[in-house]
Amino acid sequence: MKSRNKTRLPQKKSAERFAVVIPVYNHTATITEVVRQAMELRYPVFVVDDGSTDDTPQKLKTIPGINVITHQENRGKGAAILSGFIAAAKVAGMAITIDADGQHYPQDARKLVAALPDGVRPIVMGRRMYAAGEHVPWTSRFGREFSNFWVWVSGGPVLSDSQSGMRIYPLPEAMNLEVKARRFQFEVEILVQAKRKGIPVLEVPVRVNYSPAGNRISHFRPFVDFMRNSATFSRLIFTRIFSRR
């Protein structure tokens, strides 16, 4: 699927206050560098440790100047993002989310900030651009196309990378959307719910770094997550057909 969101809105240098939210679960090899680069954005950084069982909690204790929220047990990426939203909303009106696995370049968040239009509070997606010859896991390629199609069928926006974890969310609007998923599916469901509530979703090209196979930690489980994705999209399609919204 090669459709693109072609929405073009006038841009400005936003006067919004921003905070960075980084959900993390067992990313001890990458979390220190991701947080260090995120801190260079000069925004408050909130790291949500979603019940990590490796050395991630110890690594976070060695980084001064960040805010750490801890889940005693793993609740899922969506639950971690929501915990980050609650904390970030006390100091900011926009939350920048960045994955902890090192695939994003945190400095690219500046591109998302620059793309914020005047007078509109959208969700801004970092559309990951693969370099020629770059090693990209088949699960990532398949998952992206699968997700793009079903987000659209569910009544969401037409996107080229609906699974990107680098985003800007308006707060508190994103917190008040009726999103039920609490794991990876949160990130696709919130796009559908945003469209239903009239919140624009924009895409901005960003870089992506995929290490050679075996070096990148992924918690994607093909069968389990396929079933969870299918259940989420089935629910969204059902409500799209039968809801009067």
C-alpha atoms as a PDB file:
ATOM      1  CA  MET A   1       0.000   0.000   0.000  1.00  0.00           C
ATOM      2  CA  LYS A   2       1.622   3.278  -1.096  1.00  0.00           C
ATOM      3  CA  SER A   3      -0.977   5.855  -0.149  1.00  0.00           C
ATOM      4  CA  ARG A   4       0.259   9.028   1.556  1.00  0.00           C
ATOM      5  CA  ASN A   5      -1.421  11.502   3.825  1.00  0.00           C
ATOM      6  CA  LYS A   6      -1.250  14.648   1.680  1.00  0.00           C
ATOM      7  CA  THR A   7      -2.773  17.024   4.200  1.00  0.00           C
ATOM      8  CA  ARG A   8      -0.885  20.327   3.987  1.00  0.00           C
ATOM      9  CA  LEU A   9      -1.435  22.990   6.596  1.00  0.00           C
ATOM     10  CA  PRO A  10       0.366  26.284   7.229  1.00  0.00           C
ATOM     11  CA  GLN A  11       3.311  25.895   9.577  1.00  0.00           C
ATOM     12  CA  LYS A  12       4.732  27.975  12.383  1.00  0.00           C
ATOM     13  CA  LYS A  13       7.296  27.726  15.126  1.00  0.00           C
ATOM     14  CA  SER A  14       5.114  26.307  17.868  1.00  0.00           C
ATOM     15  CA  ALA A  15       4.857  28.107  21.216  1.00  0.00           C
ATOM     16  CA  GLU A  16       3.666  24.872  22.814  1.00  0.00           C
ATOM     17  CA  ARG A  17       5.441  23.295  25.759  1.00  0.00           C
ATOM     18  CA  PHE A  18       6.802  19.828  25.005  1.00  0.00           C
ATOM     19  CA  ALA A  19       7.866  16.815  27.011  1.00  0.00           C
ATOM     20  CA  VAL A  20       9.444  13.547  25.864  1.00  0.00           C
ATOM     21  CA  VAL A  21       7.876  10.218  26.836  1.00  0.00           C
ATOM     22  CA  ILE A  22       9.939   7.035  26.417  1.00  0.00           C
ATOM     23  CA  PRO A  23       8.218   3.716  27.215  1.00  0.00           C
ATOM     24  CA  VAL A  24      10.802   1.024  27.969  1.00  0.00           C
ATOM     25  CA  TYR A  25      10.699  -2.692  28.639  1.00  0.00           C
ATOM     26  CA  ASN A  26      13.946  -4.682  28.832  1.00  0.00           C
ATOM     27  CA  HIS A  27      16.066  -2.412  26.643  1.00  0.00           C
ATOM     28  CA  THR A  28      19.162  -2.281  28.802  1.00  0.00           C
ATOM     29  CA  ALA A  29      21.491  -2.202  25.765  1.00  0.00           C
ATOM     30  CA  THR A  30      19.973   0.938  24.229  1.00  0.00           C
ATOM     31  CA  ILE A  31      18.090   2.917  26.853  1.00  0.00           C
ATOM     32  CA  THR A  32      21.024   4.994  28.123  1.00  0.00           C
ATOM     33  CA  GLU A  33      21.919   6.339  24.675  1.00  0.00           C
ATOM     34  CA  VAL A  34      18.280   6.910  23.694  1.00  0.00           C
ATOM     35  CA  VAL A  35      17.673   8.934  26.854  1.00  0.00           C
ATOM     36  CA  ARG A  36      20.937  10.865  26.448  1.00  0.00           C
ATOM     37  CA  GLN A  37      19.995  11.922  22.930  1.00  0.00           C
ATOM     38  CA  ALA A  38      16.429  12.735  23.983  1.00  0.00           C
ATOM     39  CA  MET A  39      17.747  15.037  26.702  1.00  0.00           C
ATOM     40  CA  GLU A  40      19.553  17.036  24.013  1.00  0.00           C
ATOM     41  CA  LEU A  41      16.132  18.219  22.828  1.00  0.00           C
ATOM     42  CA  ARG A  42      16.008  20.332  26.006  1.00  0.00           C
ATOM     43  CA  TYR A  43      12.543  19.166  27.002  1.00  0.00           C
ATOM     44  CA  PRO A  44      11.544  17.347  30.208  1.00  0.00           C
ATOM     45  CA  VAL A  45      12.085  13.609  29.737  1.00  0.00           C
ATOM     46  CA  PHE A  46       9.750  11.017  31.245  1.00  0.00           C
ATOM     47  CA  VAL A  47      10.860   7.387  31.035  1.00  0.00           C
ATOM     48  CA  VAL A  48       8.223   4.770  31.856  1.00  0.00           C
ATOM     49  CA  ASP A  49       9.746   1.465  32.929  1.00  0.00           C
ATOM     50  CA  ASP A  50       7.020  -1.043  32.128  1.00  0.00           C
ATOM     51  CA  GLY A  51       8.080  -3.776  34.536  1.00  0.00           C
ATOM     52  CA  SER A  52      11.550  -4.478  33.086  1.00  0.00           C
ATOM     53  CA  THR A  53      13.243  -7.632  34.381  1.00  0.00           C
ATOM     54  CA  ASP A  54      16.755  -6.901  33.041  1.00  0.00           C
ATOM     55  CA  ASP A  55      19.197  -4.153  34.084  1.00  0.00           C
ATOM     56  CA  THR A  56      17.050  -1.330  32.701  1.00  0.00           C
ATOM     57  CA  PRO A  57      15.997  -0.019  36.163  1.00  0.00           C
ATOM     58  CA  GLN A  58      19.637   0.152  37.269  1.00  0.00           C
ATOM     59  CA  LYS A  59      20.629   1.978  34.089  1.00  0.00           C
ATOM     60  CA  LEU A  60      17.904   4.561  34.614  1.00  0.00           C
ATOM     61  CA  LYS A  61      19.120   5.276  38.145  1.00  0.00           C
ATOM     62  CA  THR A  62      22.465   6.400  36.747  1.00  0.00           C
ATOM     63  CA  ILE A  63      20.948   9.105  34.502  1.00  0.00           C
ATOM     64  CA  PRO A  64      20.428  12.417  36.301  1.00  0.00           C
ATOM     65  CA  GLY A  65      17.790  14.920  35.259  1.00  0.00           C
ATOM     66  CA  ILE A  66      15.066  12.555  34.059  1.00  0.00           C
ATOM     67  CA  ASN A  67      11.694  11.562  35.471  1.00  0.00           C
ATOM     68  CA  VAL A  68      11.174   7.821  35.892  1.00  0.00           C
ATOM     69  CA  ILE A  69       7.737   6.235  36.257  1.00  0.00           C
ATOM     70  CA  THR A  70       7.802   2.562  37.220  1.00  0.00           C
ATOM     71  CA  HIS A  71       5.226  -0.149  36.594  1.00  0.00           C
ATOM     72  CA  GLN A  72       5.827  -3.002  39.012  1.00  0.00           C
ATOM     73  CA  GLU A  73       4.697  -5.469  36.353  1.00  0.00           C
ATOM     74  CA  ASN A  74       4.489  -5.360  32.578  1.00  0.00           C
ATOM     75  CA  ARG A  75       1.207  -3.739  31.517  1.00  0.00           C
ATOM     76  CA  GLY A  76       1.922  -3.116  27.856  1.00  0.00           C
ATOM     77  CA  LYS A  77       3.299  -0.303  25.727  1.00  0.00           C
ATOM     78  CA  GLY A  78      -0.004   1.553  25.555  1.00  0.00           C
ATOM     79  CA  ALA A  79      -0.353   1.551  29.331  1.00  0.00           C
ATOM     80  CA  ALA A  80       3.218   2.853  29.625  1.00  0.00           C
ATOM     81  CA  ILE A  81       2.528   5.657  27.150  1.00  0.00           C
ATOM     82  CA  LEU A  82      -0.600   6.653  29.069  1.00  0.00           C
ATOM     83  CA  SER A  83       1.354   6.764  32.340  1.00  0.00           C
ATOM     84  CA  GLY A  84       3.853   9.004  30.575  1.00  0.00           C
ATOM     85  CA  PHE A  85       1.047  11.235  29.290  1.00  0.00           C
ATOM     86  CA  ILE A  86      -0.353  11.697  32.793  1.00  0.00           C
ATOM     87  CA  ALA A  87       3.032  12.761  34.133  1.00  0.00           C
ATOM     88  CA  ALA A  88       3.941  14.907  31.107  1.00  0.00           C
ATOM     89  CA  ALA A  89       0.594  16.724  31.107  1.00  0.00           C
ATOM     90  CA  LYS A  90       1.590  18.437  34.359  1.00  0.00           C
ATOM     91  CA  VAL A  91       4.337  20.373  32.581  1.00  0.00           C
ATOM     92  CA  ALA A  92       3.532  20.269  28.846  1.00  0.00           C
ATOM     93  CA  GLY A  93       0.761  20.506  26.287  1.00  0.00           C
ATOM     94  CA  MET A  94       2.416  18.161  23.781  1.00  0.00           C
ATOM     95  CA  ALA A  95       4.110  14.802  24.316  1.00  0.00           C
ATOM     96  CA  ILE A  96       6.834  13.497  22.016  1.00  0.00           C
ATOM     97  CA  THR A  97       7.057   9.701  22.151  1.00  0.00           C
ATOM     98  CA  ILE A  98      10.276   7.910  21.249  1.00  0.00           C
ATOM     99  CA  ASP A  99      10.844   4.147  21.283  1.00  0.00           C
ATOM    100  CA  ALA A 100      13.570   2.798  23.564  1.00  0.00           C
ATOM    101  CA  ASP A 101      15.047   0.268  21.123  1.00  0.00           C
ATOM    102  CA  GLY A 102      17.332   2.726  19.358  1.00  0.00           C
ATOM    103  CA  GLN A 103      15.615   2.689  15.965  1.00  0.00           C
ATOM    104  CA  HIS A 104      14.808   6.414  16.138  1.00  0.00           C
ATOM    105  CA  TYR A 105      17.137   9.384  16.006  1.00  0.00           C
ATOM    106  CA  PRO A 106      15.698  11.538  18.823  1.00  0.00           C
ATOM    107  CA  GLN A 107      16.965  14.731  17.218  1.00  0.00           C
ATOM    108  CA  ASP A 108      14.522  14.083  14.354  1.00  0.00           C
ATOM    109  CA  ALA A 109      11.741  15.022  16.770  1.00  0.00           C
ATOM    110  CA  ARG A 110      12.599  18.602  15.864  1.00  0.00           C
ATOM    111  CA  LYS A 111      11.199  17.892  12.386  1.00  0.00           C
ATOM    112  CA  LEU A 112       7.892  16.889  13.942  1.00  0.00           C
ATOM    113  CA  VAL A 113       7.817  20.029  16.083  1.00  0.00           C
ATOM    114  CA  ALA A 114       8.555  22.195  13.042  1.00  0.00           C
ATOM    115  CA  ALA A 115       5.655  20.590  11.160  1.00  0.00           C
ATOM    116  CA  LEU A 116       3.021  21.614  13.704  1.00  0.00           C
ATOM    117  CA  PRO A 117       0.528  23.859  11.908  1.00  0.00           C
ATOM    118  CA  ASP A 118      -0.832  27.126  13.212  1.00  0.00           C
ATOM    119  CA  GLY A 119      -4.111  26.870  15.085  1.00  0.00           C
ATOM    120  CA  VAL A 120      -4.368  23.066  14.875  1.00  0.00           C
ATOM    121  CA  ARG A 121      -3.409  20.418  17.446  1.00  0.00           C
ATOM    122  CA  PRO A 122      -2.750  17.260  15.413  1.00  0.00           C
ATOM    123  CA  ILE A 123      -0.983  14.000  16.024  1.00  0.00           C
ATOM    124  CA  VAL A 124       2.271  14.181  14.081  1.00  0.00           C
ATOM    125  CA  MET A 125       3.800  10.874  12.953  1.00  0.00           C
ATOM    126  CA  GLY A 126       7.428  10.250  12.132  1.00  0.00           C
ATOM    127  CA  ARG A 127       7.268   8.339   8.854  1.00  0.00           C
ATOM    128  CA  ARG A 128      10.315   6.058   8.907  1.00  0.00           C
ATOM    129  CA  MET A 129      12.352   6.229   5.710  1.00  0.00           C
ATOM    130  CA  TYR A 130      14.459   3.145   4.994  1.00  0.00           C
ATOM    131  CA  ALA A 131      17.840   3.614   3.345  1.00  0.00           C
ATOM    132  CA  ALA A 132      18.654   1.551   0.258  1.00  0.00           C
ATOM    133  CA  GLY A 133      20.149  -1.799   1.222  1.00  0.00           C
ATOM    134  CA  GLU A 134      19.289  -1.379   4.909  1.00  0.00           C
ATOM    135  CA  HIS A 135      18.415  -4.528   6.827  1.00  0.00           C
ATOM    136  CA  VAL A 136      14.741  -4.316   7.741  1.00  0.00           C
ATOM    137  CA  PRO A 137      13.101  -7.255   9.546  1.00  0.00           C
ATOM    138  CA  TRP A 138      10.320  -8.863   7.518  1.00  0.00           C
ATOM    139  CA  THR A 139       8.043  -8.518  10.539  1.00  0.00           C
ATOM    140  CA  SER A 140       8.464  -4.747  10.366  1.00  0.00           C
ATOM    141  CA  ARG A 141       7.696  -4.538   6.652  1.00  0.00           C
ATOM    142  CA  PHE A 142       4.684  -6.846   6.881  1.00  0.00           C
ATOM    143  CA  GLY A 143       3.422  -5.251  10.073  1.00  0.00           C
ATOM    144  CA  ARG A 144       3.568  -1.768   8.584  1.00  0.00           C
ATOM    145  CA  GLU A 145       1.543  -2.657   5.476  1.00  0.00           C
ATOM    146  CA  PHE A 146      -0.922  -4.768   7.479  1.00  0.00           C
ATOM    147  CA  SER A 147      -1.459  -1.961   9.950  1.00  0.00           C
ATOM    148  CA  ASN A 148      -1.740   0.797   7.338  1.00  0.00           C
ATOM    149  CA  PHE A 149      -4.496  -1.046   5.500  1.00  0.00           C
ATOM    150  CA  TRP A 150      -6.562  -1.958   8.559  1.00  0.00           C
ATOM    151  CA  VAL A 151      -6.255   1.470  10.151  1.00  0.00           C
ATOM    152  CA  TRP A 152      -7.857   2.834   6.983  1.00  0.00           C
ATOM    153  CA  VAL A 153     -10.540   0.121   6.858  1.00  0.00           C
ATOM    154  CA  SER A 154     -11.349   0.824  10.506  1.00  0.00           C
ATOM    155  CA  GLY A 155     -12.123   4.424   9.642  1.00  0.00           C
ATOM    156  CA  GLY A 156      -8.754   5.908  10.499  1.00  0.00           C
ATOM    157  CA  PRO A 157      -6.491   8.150   8.418  1.00  0.00           C
ATOM    158  CA  VAL A 158      -4.621   7.040   5.304  1.00  0.00           C
ATOM    159  CA  LEU A 159      -1.008   6.684   6.406  1.00  0.00           C
ATOM    160  CA  SER A 160       2.210   5.183   5.135  1.00  0.00           C
ATOM    161  CA  ASP A 161       3.638   4.287   8.557  1.00  0.00           C
ATOM    162  CA  SER A 162       0.941   3.783  11.164  1.00  0.00           C
ATOM    163  CA  GLN A 163       3.290   1.831  13.450  1.00  0.00           C
ATOM    164  CA  SER A 164       5.986   4.435  13.957  1.00  0.00           C
ATOM    165  CA  GLY A 165       6.657   5.089  17.637  1.00  0.00           C
ATOM    166  CA  MET A 166       8.081   8.584  17.095  1.00  0.00           C
ATOM    167  CA  ARG A 167       5.087  10.886  17.385  1.00  0.00           C
ATOM    168  CA  ILE A 168       3.777  14.106  18.834  1.00  0.00           C
ATOM    169  CA  TYR A 169       0.493  13.840  20.712  1.00  0.00           C
ATOM    170  CA  PRO A 170      -1.602  16.801  21.872  1.00  0.00           C
ATOM    171  CA  LEU A 171      -2.378  16.646  25.581  1.00  0.00           C
ATOM    172  CA  PRO A 172      -4.955  16.288  27.027  1.00  0.00           C
ATOM    173  CA  GLU A 173      -6.791  15.423  23.789  1.00  0.00           C
ATOM    174  CA  ALA A 174      -4.928  12.143  23.318  1.00  0.00           C
ATOM    175  CA  MET A 175      -5.596  11.124  26.916  1.00  0.00           C
ATOM    176  CA  ASN A 176      -9.339  11.596  26.441  1.00  0.00           C
ATOM    177  CA  LEU A 177      -9.719   9.446  23.333  1.00  0.00           C
ATOM    178  CA  GLU A 178     -11.642   6.212  23.839  1.00  0.00           C
ATOM    179  CA  VAL A 179      -8.688   3.875  23.350  1.00  0.00           C
ATOM    180  CA  LYS A 180      -9.169   0.458  24.931  1.00  0.00           C
ATOM    181  CA  ALA A 181      -5.986  -1.328  23.817  1.00  0.00           C
ATOM    182  CA  ARG A 182      -3.112  -1.209  26.286  1.00  0.00           C
ATOM    183  CA  ARG A 183      -0.329  -3.015  24.439  1.00  0.00           C
ATOM    184  CA  PHE A 184       1.208  -2.373  21.000  1.00  0.00           C
ATOM    185  CA  GLN A 185      -2.271  -2.035  19.556  1.00  0.00           C
ATOM    186  CA  PHE A 186      -2.721   1.226  21.458  1.00  0.00           C
ATOM    187  CA  GLU A 187      -0.608   3.030  18.863  1.00  0.00           C
ATOM    188  CA  VAL A 188      -2.854   2.053  15.961  1.00  0.00           C
ATOM    189  CA  GLU A 189      -6.161   2.349  17.779  1.00  0.00           C
ATOM    190  CA  ILE A 190      -5.438   5.896  18.899  1.00  0.00           C
ATOM    191  CA  LEU A 191      -5.055   6.915  15.239  1.00  0.00           C
ATOM    192  CA  VAL A 192      -8.535   5.599  14.444  1.00  0.00           C
ATOM    193  CA  GLN A 193     -10.053   7.262  17.490  1.00  0.00           C
ATOM    194  CA  ALA A 194      -8.310  10.528  16.621  1.00  0.00           C
ATOM    195  CA  LYS A 195      -9.859  10.505  13.149  1.00  0.00           C
ATOM    196  CA  ARG A 196     -13.279   9.858  14.652  1.00  0.00           C
ATOM    197  CA  LYS A 197     -12.877  12.850  16.964  1.00  0.00           C
ATOM    198  CA  GLY A 198     -11.659  15.154  14.213  1.00  0.00           C
ATOM    199  CA  ILE A 199      -8.015  15.300  15.313  1.00  0.00           C
ATOM    200  CA  PRO A 200      -5.786  15.542  12.211  1.00  0.00           C
ATOM    201  CA  VAL A 201      -2.933  13.070  11.769  1.00  0.00           C
ATOM    202  CA  LEU A 202       0.094  14.284   9.805  1.00  0.00           C
ATOM    203  CA  GLU A 203       3.258  12.469   8.663  1.00  0.00           C
ATOM    204  CA  VAL A 204       6.811  13.796   8.534  1.00  0.00           C
ATOM    205  CA  PRO A 205       9.774  11.792   7.135  1.00  0.00           C
ATOM    206  CA  VAL A 206      12.337  10.708   9.735  1.00  0.00           C
ATOM    207  CA  ARG A 207      15.344   8.430   9.690  1.00  0.00           C
ATOM    208  CA  VAL A 208      15.361   4.909  11.081  1.00  0.00           C
ATOM    209  CA  ASN A 209      18.226   2.780  12.325  1.00  0.00           C
ATOM    210  CA  TYR A 210      17.900  -0.992  12.079  1.00  0.00           C
ATOM    211  CA  SER A 211      20.897  -2.834  13.453  1.00  0.00           C
ATOM    212  CA  PRO A 212      21.933  -6.156  11.892  1.00  0.00           C
ATOM    213  CA  ALA A 213      19.688  -9.083  12.743  1.00  0.00           C
ATOM    214  CA  GLY A 214      20.149 -10.235  16.314  1.00  0.00           C
ATOM    215  CA  ASN A 215      21.314  -6.870  17.704  1.00  0.00           C
ATOM    216  CA  ARG A 216      17.949  -5.178  18.004  1.00  0.00           C
ATOM    217  CA  ILE A 217      15.628  -6.125  20.841  1.00  0.00           C
ATOM    218  CA  SER A 218      12.037  -6.543  19.692  1.00  0.00           C
ATOM    219  CA  HIS A 219       9.105  -7.754  21.752  1.00  0.00           C
ATOM    220  CA  PHE A 220       7.011  -8.506  18.682  1.00  0.00           C
ATOM    221  CA  ARG A 221       5.529 -12.014  18.779  1.00  0.00           C
ATOM    222  CA  PRO A 222       4.116 -12.812  15.329  1.00  0.00           C
ATOM    223  CA  PHE A 223       1.227 -15.105  16.290  1.00  0.00           C
ATOM    224  CA  VAL A 224       0.190 -13.463  19.566  1.00  0.00           C
ATOM    225  CA  ASP A 225       0.415  -9.944  18.207  1.00  0.00           C
ATOM    226  CA  PHE A 226      -1.318 -10.886  14.960  1.00  0.00           C
ATOM    227  CA  MET A 227      -4.250 -12.208  16.997  1.00  0.00           C
ATOM    228  CA  ARG A 228      -4.299  -9.096  19.196  1.00  0.00           C
ATOM    229  CA  ASN A 229      -4.143  -6.835  16.148  1.00  0.00           C
ATOM    230  CA  SER A 230      -6.958  -8.759  14.499  1.00  0.00           C
ATOM    231  CA  ALA A 231      -9.123  -8.483  17.614  1.00  0.00           C
ATOM    232  CA  THR A 232      -8.487  -4.745  17.874  1.00  0.00           C
ATOM    233  CA  PHE A 233      -9.274  -4.050  14.228  1.00  0.00           C
ATOM    234  CA  SER A 234     -12.357  -6.281  14.335  1.00  0.00           C
ATOM    235  CA  ARG A 235     -13.665  -4.270  17.281  1.00  0.00           C
ATOM    236  CA  LEU A 236     -12.944  -0.964  15.542  1.00  0.00           C
ATOM    237  CA  ILE A 237     -14.611  -2.063  12.308  1.00  0.00           C
ATOM    238  CA  PHE A 238     -17.646  -3.291  14.257  1.00  0.00           C
ATOM    239  CA  THR A 239     -18.023   0.034  16.033  1.00  0.00           C
ATOM    240  CA  ARG A 240     -17.516   1.900  12.786  1.00  0.00           C
ATOM    241  CA  ILE A 241     -20.387   0.017  11.184  1.00  0.00           C
ATOM    242  CA  PHE A 242     -22.817   0.028  14.078  1.00  0.00           C
ATOM    243  CA  SER A 243     -21.934   3.183  16.011  1.00  0.00           C
ATOM    244  CA  ARG A 244     -23.890   6.357  15.406  1.00  0.00           C
ATOM    245  CA  ARG A 245     -20.836   8.525  16.071  1.00  0.00           C
END
